[in-house]
Amino acid sequence: ELEAVVPAERIHYVFYEDLFAQGTTDGICEFLGIDPVAADPDARINPGRPSSLPETTETLLYNGLAAQYAFVADRFGTAMPDAWLQRSARFS
């Protein structure tokens, strides 16, 4: 729906997993037409508690979101973050 009403040159997609890398930050700044800012990938504001996701739960979640993963894979291909690509390979 976004792409149906907003010109492509006014849309800039970024995956969360890549958001805090300096190259991504530079690309966002360039897209916005502002001076580059330094990314601080190690800064954590209000961090949550780390926890593990049981494999059976991950499988159920992936299967439940399979249509979304397929859409993103078709739309963005290898531009998807490595974790997404690896997860897709594991469950495909």
PDB file of N, CA and C in Angstrom:
ATOM      1  N   GLU A   1       0.821  -1.188   0.000  1.00  0.00           N
ATOM      2  CA  GLU A   1       0.000   0.000   0.000  1.00  0.00           C
ATOM      3  C   GLU A   1       0.865   1.252   0.000  1.00  0.00           C
ATOM      4  N   LEU A   2       1.947   1.234   0.750  1.00  0.00           N
ATOM      5  CA  LEU A   2       2.849   2.384   0.795  1.00  0.00           C
ATOM      6  C   LEU A   2       3.364   2.703  -0.604  1.00  0.00           C
ATOM      7  N   GLU A   3       3.836   1.684  -1.296  1.00  0.00           N
ATOM      8  CA  GLU A   3       4.427   1.887  -2.618  1.00  0.00           C
ATOM      9  C   GLU A   3       3.388   2.301  -3.658  1.00  0.00           C
ATOM     10  N   ALA A   4       2.112   2.070  -3.388  1.00  0.00           N
ATOM     11  CA  ALA A   4       1.059   2.473  -4.315  1.00  0.00           C
ATOM     12  C   ALA A   4       0.803   3.976  -4.269  1.00  0.00           C
ATOM     13  N   VAL A   5       1.165   4.609  -3.161  1.00  0.00           N
ATOM     14  CA  VAL A   5       0.842   6.037  -3.015  1.00  0.00           C
ATOM     15  C   VAL A   5       2.054   6.939  -2.811  1.00  0.00           C
ATOM     16  N   VAL A   6       3.198   6.359  -2.493  1.00  0.00           N
ATOM     17  CA  VAL A   6       4.401   7.156  -2.258  1.00  0.00           C
ATOM     18  C   VAL A   6       5.412   6.814  -3.349  1.00  0.00           C
ATOM     19  N   PRO A   7       5.962   7.830  -4.026  1.00  0.00           N
ATOM     20  CA  PRO A   7       6.958   7.562  -5.067  1.00  0.00           C
ATOM     21  C   PRO A   7       8.163   6.796  -4.497  1.00  0.00           C
ATOM     22  N   ALA A   8       8.706   5.878  -5.285  1.00  0.00           N
ATOM     23  CA  ALA A   8       9.812   5.023  -4.841  1.00  0.00           C
ATOM     24  C   ALA A   8      10.994   5.830  -4.326  1.00  0.00           C
ATOM     25  N   GLU A   9      11.274   6.977  -4.943  1.00  0.00           N
ATOM     26  CA  GLU A   9      12.428   7.775  -4.513  1.00  0.00           C
ATOM     27  C   GLU A   9      12.217   8.435  -3.147  1.00  0.00           C
ATOM     28  N   ARG A  10      11.019   8.324  -2.590  1.00  0.00           N
ATOM     29  CA  ARG A  10      10.742   8.883  -1.263  1.00  0.00           C
ATOM     30  C   ARG A  10      10.642   7.804  -0.195  1.00  0.00           C
ATOM     31  N   ILE A  11      10.999   6.567  -0.551  1.00  0.00           N
ATOM     32  CA  ILE A  11      10.954   5.437   0.386  1.00  0.00           C
ATOM     33  C   ILE A  11      12.367   4.898   0.565  1.00  0.00           C
ATOM     34  N   HIS A  12      12.739   4.647   1.809  1.00  0.00           N
ATOM     35  CA  HIS A  12      14.059   4.075   2.116  1.00  0.00           C
ATOM     36  C   HIS A  12      13.839   2.956   3.131  1.00  0.00           C
ATOM     37  N   TYR A  13      14.049   1.726   2.704  1.00  0.00           N
ATOM     38  CA  TYR A  13      13.848   0.569   3.577  1.00  0.00           C
ATOM     39  C   TYR A  13      15.135   0.233   4.312  1.00  0.00           C
ATOM     40  N   VAL A  14      15.000  -0.109   5.602  1.00  0.00           N
ATOM     41  CA  VAL A  14      16.128  -0.551   6.420  1.00  0.00           C
ATOM     42  C   VAL A  14      15.612  -1.643   7.353  1.00  0.00           C
ATOM     43  N   PHE A  15      16.352  -2.719   7.449  1.00  0.00           N
ATOM     44  CA  PHE A  15      16.015  -3.762   8.408  1.00  0.00           C
ATOM     45  C   PHE A  15      16.586  -3.383   9.777  1.00  0.00           C
ATOM     46  N   TYR A  16      15.837  -3.703  10.821  1.00  0.00           N
ATOM     47  CA  TYR A  16      16.280  -3.382  12.176  1.00  0.00           C
ATOM     48  C   TYR A  16      17.679  -3.927  12.451  1.00  0.00           C
ATOM     49  N   GLU A  17      17.936  -5.142  11.996  1.00  0.00           N
ATOM     50  CA  GLU A  17      19.230  -5.777  12.275  1.00  0.00           C
ATOM     51  C   GLU A  17      20.396  -4.981  11.695  1.00  0.00           C
ATOM     52  N   ASP A  18      20.148  -4.169  10.693  1.00  0.00           N
ATOM     53  CA  ASP A  18      21.197  -3.364  10.058  1.00  0.00           C
ATOM     54  C   ASP A  18      21.173  -1.905  10.495  1.00  0.00           C
ATOM     55  N   LEU A  19      20.171  -1.522  11.254  1.00  0.00           N
ATOM     56  CA  LEU A  19      19.896  -0.116  11.546  1.00  0.00           C
ATOM     57  C   LEU A  19      21.051   0.636  12.182  1.00  0.00           C
ATOM     58  N   PHE A  20      21.822  -0.004  13.042  1.00  0.00           N
ATOM     59  CA  PHE A  20      22.825   0.715  13.813  1.00  0.00           C
ATOM     60  C   PHE A  20      24.233   0.616  13.244  1.00  0.00           C
ATOM     61  N   ALA A  21      24.374   0.050  12.063  1.00  0.00           N
ATOM     62  CA  ALA A  21      25.675   0.004  11.395  1.00  0.00           C
ATOM     63  C   ALA A  21      25.965   1.372  10.781  1.00  0.00           C
ATOM     64  N   GLN A  22      27.210   1.764  10.779  1.00  0.00           N
ATOM     65  CA  GLN A  22      27.559   3.089  10.270  1.00  0.00           C
ATOM     66  C   GLN A  22      27.144   3.267   8.811  1.00  0.00           C
ATOM     67  N   GLY A  23      27.328   2.244   7.996  1.00  0.00           N
ATOM     68  CA  GLY A  23      26.938   2.347   6.595  1.00  0.00           C
ATOM     69  C   GLY A  23      25.444   2.586   6.427  1.00  0.00           C
ATOM     70  N   THR A  24      24.641   1.937   7.267  1.00  0.00           N
ATOM     71  CA  THR A  24      23.193   2.134   7.211  1.00  0.00           C
ATOM     72  C   THR A  24      22.837   3.537   7.662  1.00  0.00           C
ATOM     73  N   THR A  25      23.470   3.983   8.751  1.00  0.00           N
ATOM     74  CA  THR A  25      23.227   5.341   9.236  1.00  0.00           C
ATOM     75  C   THR A  25      23.605   6.364   8.180  1.00  0.00           C
ATOM     76  N   ASP A  26      24.737   6.151   7.523  1.00  0.00           N
ATOM     77  CA  ASP A  26      25.154   7.060   6.448  1.00  0.00           C
ATOM     78  C   ASP A  26      24.126   7.090   5.324  1.00  0.00           C
ATOM     79  N   GLY A  27      23.609   5.917   4.962  1.00  0.00           N
ATOM     80  CA  GLY A  27      22.598   5.845   3.908  1.00  0.00           C
ATOM     81  C   GLY A  27      21.312   6.563   4.280  1.00  0.00           C
ATOM     82  N   ILE A  28      20.897   6.460   5.538  1.00  0.00           N
ATOM     83  CA  ILE A  28      19.702   7.165   6.004  1.00  0.00           C
ATOM     84  C   ILE A  28      19.926   8.671   5.945  1.00  0.00           C
ATOM     85  N   CYS A  29      21.087   9.110   6.424  1.00  0.00           N
ATOM     86  CA  CYS A  29      21.399  10.546   6.399  1.00  0.00           C
ATOM     87  C   CYS A  29      21.416  11.069   4.967  1.00  0.00           C
ATOM     88  N   GLU A  30      22.025  10.321   4.069  1.00  0.00           N
ATOM     89  CA  GLU A  30      22.063  10.733   2.663  1.00  0.00           C
ATOM     90  C   GLU A  30      20.651  10.808   2.094  1.00  0.00           C
ATOM     91  N   PHE A  31      19.833   9.803   2.386  1.00  0.00           N
ATOM     92  CA  PHE A  31      18.454   9.788   1.912  1.00  0.00           C
ATOM     93  C   PHE A  31      17.686  11.011   2.417  1.00  0.00           C
ATOM     94  N   LEU A  32      17.922  11.372   3.680  1.00  0.00           N
ATOM     95  CA  LEU A  32      17.225  12.507   4.284  1.00  0.00           C
ATOM     96  C   LEU A  32      17.830  13.852   3.898  1.00  0.00           C
ATOM     97  N   GLY A  33      19.021  13.810   3.299  1.00  0.00           N
ATOM     98  CA  GLY A  33      19.683  15.045   2.909  1.00  0.00           C
ATOM     99  C   GLY A  33      20.250  15.810   4.084  1.00  0.00           C
ATOM    100  N   ILE A  34      20.718  15.066   5.097  1.00  0.00           N
ATOM    101  CA  ILE A  34      21.310  15.700   6.280  1.00  0.00           C
ATOM    102  C   ILE A  34      22.759  15.261   6.422  1.00  0.00           C
ATOM    103  N   ASP A  35      23.509  15.997   7.233  1.00  0.00           N
ATOM    104  CA  ASP A  35      24.898  15.634   7.486  1.00  0.00           C
ATOM    105  C   ASP A  35      24.968  14.278   8.178  1.00  0.00           C
ATOM    106  N   PRO A  36      25.987  13.498   7.854  1.00  0.00           N
ATOM    107  CA  PRO A  36      26.145  12.197   8.514  1.00  0.00           C
ATOM    108  C   PRO A  36      26.312  12.335  10.028  1.00  0.00           C
ATOM    109  N   VAL A  37      25.834  11.346  10.741  1.00  0.00           N
ATOM    110  CA  VAL A  37      26.017  11.279  12.191  1.00  0.00           C
ATOM    111  C   VAL A  37      26.714   9.966  12.512  1.00  0.00           C
ATOM    112  N   ALA A  38      27.409   9.945  13.621  1.00  0.00           N
ATOM    113  CA  ALA A  38      28.115   8.730  14.035  1.00  0.00           C
ATOM    114  C   ALA A  38      27.127   7.743  14.651  1.00  0.00           C
ATOM    115  N   ALA A  39      27.193   6.508  14.202  1.00  0.00           N
ATOM    116  CA  ALA A  39      26.387   5.439  14.789  1.00  0.00           C
ATOM    117  C   ALA A  39      27.125   4.905  16.001  1.00  0.00           C
ATOM    118  N   ASP A  40      26.379   4.515  17.010  1.00  0.00           N
ATOM    119  CA  ASP A  40      26.968   3.901  18.201  1.00  0.00           C
ATOM    120  C   ASP A  40      26.294   2.542  18.398  1.00  0.00           C
ATOM    121  N   PRO A  41      26.787   1.518  17.682  1.00  0.00           N
ATOM    122  CA  PRO A  41      26.107   0.224  17.711  1.00  0.00           C
ATOM    123  C   PRO A  41      26.139  -0.470  19.065  1.00  0.00           C
ATOM    124  N   ASP A  42      26.999  -0.029  19.963  1.00  0.00           N
ATOM    125  CA  ASP A  42      27.081  -0.676  21.272  1.00  0.00           C
ATOM    126  C   ASP A  42      26.206  -0.014  22.326  1.00  0.00           C
ATOM    127  N   ALA A  43      25.636   1.142  22.021  1.00  0.00           N
ATOM    128  CA  ALA A  43      24.782   1.843  22.987  1.00  0.00           C
ATOM    129  C   ALA A  43      23.480   1.064  23.154  1.00  0.00           C
ATOM    130  N   ARG A  44      23.079   0.861  24.384  1.00  0.00           N
ATOM    131  CA  ARG A  44      21.818   0.174  24.678  1.00  0.00           C
ATOM    132  C   ARG A  44      21.007   1.070  25.615  1.00  0.00           C
ATOM    133  N   ILE A  45      19.813   1.419  25.183  1.00  0.00           N
ATOM    134  CA  ILE A  45      18.909   2.228  25.989  1.00  0.00           C
ATOM    135  C   ILE A  45      17.751   1.325  26.397  1.00  0.00           C
ATOM    136  N   ASN A  46      17.513   1.238  27.669  1.00  0.00           N
ATOM    137  CA  ASN A  46      16.459   0.382  28.210  1.00  0.00           C
ATOM    138  C   ASN A  46      16.538  -1.050  27.672  1.00  0.00           C
ATOM    139  N   PRO A  47      17.678  -1.700  27.837  1.00  0.00           N
ATOM    140  CA  PRO A  47      17.811  -3.061  27.308  1.00  0.00           C
ATOM    141  C   PRO A  47      16.898  -4.041  28.046  1.00  0.00           C
ATOM    142  N   GLY A  48      16.425  -4.999  27.307  1.00  0.00           N
ATOM    143  CA  GLY A  48      15.635  -6.064  27.912  1.00  0.00           C
ATOM    144  C   GLY A  48      16.544  -7.158  28.451  1.00  0.00           C
ATOM    145  N   ARG A  49      15.945  -8.131  29.065  1.00  0.00           N
ATOM    146  CA  ARG A  49      16.718  -9.274  29.559  1.00  0.00           C
ATOM    147  C   ARG A  49      16.907 -10.263  28.436  1.00  0.00           C
ATOM    148  N   PRO A  50      18.120 -10.755  28.253  1.00  0.00           N
ATOM    149  CA  PRO A  50      18.322 -11.767  27.214  1.00  0.00           C
ATOM    150  C   PRO A  50      17.571 -13.051  27.567  1.00  0.00           C
ATOM    151  N   SER A  51      17.040 -13.694  26.574  1.00  0.00           N
ATOM    152  CA  SER A  51      16.379 -14.973  26.790  1.00  0.00           C
ATOM    153  C   SER A  51      16.518 -15.797  25.512  1.00  0.00           C
ATOM    154  N   SER A  52      16.383 -17.093  25.668  1.00  0.00           N
ATOM    155  CA  SER A  52      16.495 -17.967  24.505  1.00  0.00           C
ATOM    156  C   SER A  52      15.096 -18.341  24.035  1.00  0.00           C
ATOM    157  N   LEU A  53      15.011 -18.681  22.767  1.00  0.00           N
ATOM    158  CA  LEU A  53      13.755 -19.105  22.177  1.00  0.00           C
ATOM    159  C   LEU A  53      13.863 -20.597  21.880  1.00  0.00           C
ATOM    160  N   PRO A  54      13.043 -21.404  22.537  1.00  0.00           N
ATOM    161  CA  PRO A  54      13.115 -22.843  22.274  1.00  0.00           C
ATOM    162  C   PRO A  54      12.882 -23.119  20.786  1.00  0.00           C
ATOM    163  N   GLU A  55      13.585 -24.115  20.256  1.00  0.00           N
ATOM    164  CA  GLU A  55      13.510 -24.423  18.831  1.00  0.00           C
ATOM    165  C   GLU A  55      12.079 -24.752  18.389  1.00  0.00           C
ATOM    166  N   THR A  56      11.343 -25.451  19.231  1.00  0.00           N
ATOM    167  CA  THR A  56       9.960 -25.789  18.849  1.00  0.00           C
ATOM    168  C   THR A  56       9.110 -24.523  18.725  1.00  0.00           C
ATOM    169  N   THR A  57       9.324 -23.568  19.609  1.00  0.00           N
ATOM    170  CA  THR A  57       8.595 -22.298  19.547  1.00  0.00           C
ATOM    171  C   THR A  57       9.005 -21.514  18.314  1.00  0.00           C
ATOM    172  N   GLU A  58      10.313 -21.491  18.020  1.00  0.00           N
ATOM    173  CA  GLU A  58      10.793 -20.789  16.835  1.00  0.00           C
ATOM    174  C   GLU A  58      10.180 -21.397  15.568  1.00  0.00           C
ATOM    175  N   THR A  59      10.080 -22.706  15.523  1.00  0.00           N
ATOM    176  CA  THR A  59       9.488 -23.389  14.370  1.00  0.00           C
ATOM    177  C   THR A  59       8.026 -22.992  14.210  1.00  0.00           C
ATOM    178  N   LEU A  60       7.275 -22.990  15.310  1.00  0.00           N
ATOM    179  CA  LEU A  60       5.871 -22.592  15.252  1.00  0.00           C
ATOM    180  C   LEU A  60       5.723 -21.145  14.783  1.00  0.00           C
ATOM    181  N   LEU A  61       6.555 -20.259  15.305  1.00  0.00           N
ATOM    182  CA  LEU A  61       6.496 -18.854  14.905  1.00  0.00           C
ATOM    183  C   LEU A  61       6.852 -18.687  13.435  1.00  0.00           C
ATOM    184  N   TYR A  62       7.908 -19.347  13.007  1.00  0.00           N
ATOM    185  CA  TYR A  62       8.310 -19.242  11.608  1.00  0.00           C
ATOM    186  C   TYR A  62       7.203 -19.749  10.694  1.00  0.00           C
ATOM    187  N   ASN A  63       6.646 -20.895  11.018  1.00  0.00           N
ATOM    188  CA  ASN A  63       5.568 -21.450  10.192  1.00  0.00           C
ATOM    189  C   ASN A  63       4.359 -20.516  10.156  1.00  0.00           C
ATOM    190  N   GLY A  64       4.056 -19.890  11.285  1.00  0.00           N
ATOM    191  CA  GLY A  64       2.945 -18.946  11.344  1.00  0.00           C
ATOM    192  C   GLY A  64       3.194 -17.685  10.528  1.00  0.00           C
ATOM    193  N   LEU A  65       4.455 -17.335  10.358  1.00  0.00           N
ATOM    194  CA  LEU A  65       4.826 -16.134   9.601  1.00  0.00           C
ATOM    195  C   LEU A  65       5.418 -16.468   8.234  1.00  0.00           C
ATOM    196  N   ALA A  66       5.246 -17.685   7.776  1.00  0.00           N
ATOM    197  CA  ALA A  66       5.858 -18.130   6.514  1.00  0.00           C
ATOM    198  C   ALA A  66       5.480 -17.241   5.338  1.00  0.00           C
ATOM    199  N   ALA A  67       4.234 -16.804   5.274  1.00  0.00           N
ATOM    200  CA  ALA A  67       3.810 -15.940   4.160  1.00  0.00           C
ATOM    201  C   ALA A  67       4.553 -14.604   4.188  1.00  0.00           C
ATOM    202  N   GLN A  68       4.767 -14.063   5.382  1.00  0.00           N
ATOM    203  CA  GLN A  68       5.493 -12.796   5.509  1.00  0.00           C
ATOM    204  C   GLN A  68       6.966 -12.967   5.135  1.00  0.00           C
ATOM    205  N   TYR A  69       7.565 -14.062   5.585  1.00  0.00           N
ATOM    206  CA  TYR A  69       8.960 -14.338   5.222  1.00  0.00           C
ATOM    207  C   TYR A  69       9.096 -14.499   3.708  1.00  0.00           C
ATOM    208  N   ALA A  70       8.143 -15.187   3.087  1.00  0.00           N
ATOM    209  CA  ALA A  70       8.186 -15.380   1.637  1.00  0.00           C
ATOM    210  C   ALA A  70       8.056 -14.049   0.905  1.00  0.00           C
ATOM    211  N   PHE A  71       7.155 -13.193   1.377  1.00  0.00           N
ATOM    212  CA  PHE A  71       6.991 -11.876   0.756  1.00  0.00           C
ATOM    213  C   PHE A  71       8.278 -11.068   0.856  1.00  0.00           C
ATOM    214  N   VAL A  72       8.870 -11.039   2.040  1.00  0.00           N
ATOM    215  CA  VAL A  72      10.106 -10.266   2.241  1.00  0.00           C
ATOM    216  C   VAL A  72      11.232 -10.854   1.394  1.00  0.00           C
ATOM    217  N   ALA A  73      11.315 -12.162   1.310  1.00  0.00           N
ATOM    218  CA  ALA A  73      12.347 -12.800   0.488  1.00  0.00           C
ATOM    219  C   ALA A  73      12.173 -12.425  -0.982  1.00  0.00           C
ATOM    220  N   ASP A  74      10.928 -12.433  -1.463  1.00  0.00           N
ATOM    221  CA  ASP A  74      10.669 -12.046  -2.853  1.00  0.00           C
ATOM    222  C   ASP A  74      10.976 -10.569  -3.079  1.00  0.00           C
ATOM    223  N   ARG A  75      10.628  -9.753  -2.122  1.00  0.00           N
ATOM    224  CA  ARG A  75      10.771  -8.301  -2.277  1.00  0.00           C
ATOM    225  C   ARG A  75      12.208  -7.833  -2.128  1.00  0.00           C
ATOM    226  N   PHE A  76      12.951  -8.396  -1.156  1.00  0.00           N
ATOM    227  CA  PHE A  76      14.281  -7.879  -0.833  1.00  0.00           C
ATOM    228  C   PHE A  76      15.419  -8.845  -1.130  1.00  0.00           C
ATOM    229  N   GLY A  77      15.116 -10.119  -1.368  1.00  0.00           N
ATOM    230  CA  GLY A  77      16.146 -11.090  -1.732  1.00  0.00           C
ATOM    231  C   GLY A  77      17.308 -11.125  -0.750  1.00  0.00           C
ATOM    232  N   THR A  78      18.513 -11.083  -1.290  1.00  0.00           N
ATOM    233  CA  THR A  78      19.712 -11.189  -0.448  1.00  0.00           C
ATOM    234  C   THR A  78      20.001  -9.936   0.354  1.00  0.00           C
ATOM    235  N   ALA A  79      19.185  -8.894   0.199  1.00  0.00           N
ATOM    236  CA  ALA A  79      19.337  -7.704   1.035  1.00  0.00           C
ATOM    237  C   ALA A  79      18.808  -7.956   2.453  1.00  0.00           C
ATOM    238  N   MET A  80      18.113  -9.074   2.622  1.00  0.00           N
ATOM    239  CA  MET A  80      17.641  -9.421   3.963  1.00  0.00           C
ATOM    240  C   MET A  80      18.845  -9.667   4.870  1.00  0.00           C
ATOM    241  N   PRO A  81      18.709  -9.378   6.160  1.00  0.00           N
ATOM    242  CA  PRO A  81      19.809  -9.644   7.098  1.00  0.00           C
ATOM    243  C   PRO A  81      20.186 -11.126   7.107  1.00  0.00           C
ATOM    244  N   ASP A  82      21.437 -11.399   7.414  1.00  0.00           N
ATOM    245  CA  ASP A  82      21.940 -12.772   7.441  1.00  0.00           C
ATOM    246  C   ASP A  82      21.090 -13.675   8.330  1.00  0.00           C
ATOM    247  N   ALA A  83      20.663 -13.170   9.479  1.00  0.00           N
ATOM    248  CA  ALA A  83      19.857 -13.993  10.386  1.00  0.00           C
ATOM    249  C   ALA A  83      18.556 -14.429   9.720  1.00  0.00           C
ATOM    250  N   TRP A  84      17.949 -13.559   8.926  1.00  0.00           N
ATOM    251  CA  TRP A  84      16.719 -13.910   8.216  1.00  0.00           C
ATOM    252  C   TRP A  84      17.009 -14.973   7.162  1.00  0.00           C
ATOM    253  N   LEU A  85      18.093 -14.789   6.421  1.00  0.00           N
ATOM    254  CA  LEU A  85      18.463 -15.747   5.379  1.00  0.00           C
ATOM    255  C   LEU A  85      18.747 -17.115   5.979  1.00  0.00           C
ATOM    256  N   GLN A  86      19.487 -17.129   7.094  1.00  0.00           N
ATOM    257  CA  GLN A  86      19.817 -18.393   7.742  1.00  0.00           C
ATOM    258  C   GLN A  86      18.557 -19.078   8.283  1.00  0.00           C
ATOM    259  N   ARG A  87      17.674 -18.291   8.880  1.00  0.00           N
ATOM    260  CA  ARG A  87      16.447 -18.864   9.415  1.00  0.00           C
ATOM    261  C   ARG A  87      15.589 -19.432   8.274  1.00  0.00           C
ATOM    262  N   SER A  88      15.479 -18.691   7.195  1.00  0.00           N
ATOM    263  CA  SER A  88      14.706 -19.176   6.047  1.00  0.00           C
ATOM    264  C   SER A  88      15.291 -20.468   5.511  1.00  0.00           C
ATOM    265  N   ALA A  89      16.617 -20.550   5.432  1.00  0.00           N
ATOM    266  CA  ALA A  89      17.272 -21.770   4.946  1.00  0.00           C
ATOM    267  C   ALA A  89      17.008 -22.943   5.890  1.00  0.00           C
ATOM    268  N   ARG A  90      17.008 -22.683   7.195  1.00  0.00           N
ATOM    269  CA  ARG A  90      16.770 -23.754   8.172  1.00  0.00           C
ATOM    270  C   ARG A  90      15.371 -24.322   8.071  1.00  0.00           C
ATOM    271  N   PHE A  91      14.389 -23.464   7.820  1.00  0.00           N
ATOM    272  CA  PHE A  91      13.000 -23.913   7.859  1.00  0.00           C
ATOM    273  C   PHE A  91      12.423 -24.211   6.486  1.00  0.00           C
ATOM    274  N   SER A  92      13.193 -23.994   5.434  1.00  0.00           N
ATOM    275  CA  SER A  92      12.660 -24.249   4.079  1.00  0.00           C
ATOM    276  C   SER A  92      12.889 -25.681   3.670  1.00  0.00           C
TER     277      SER A  92
END
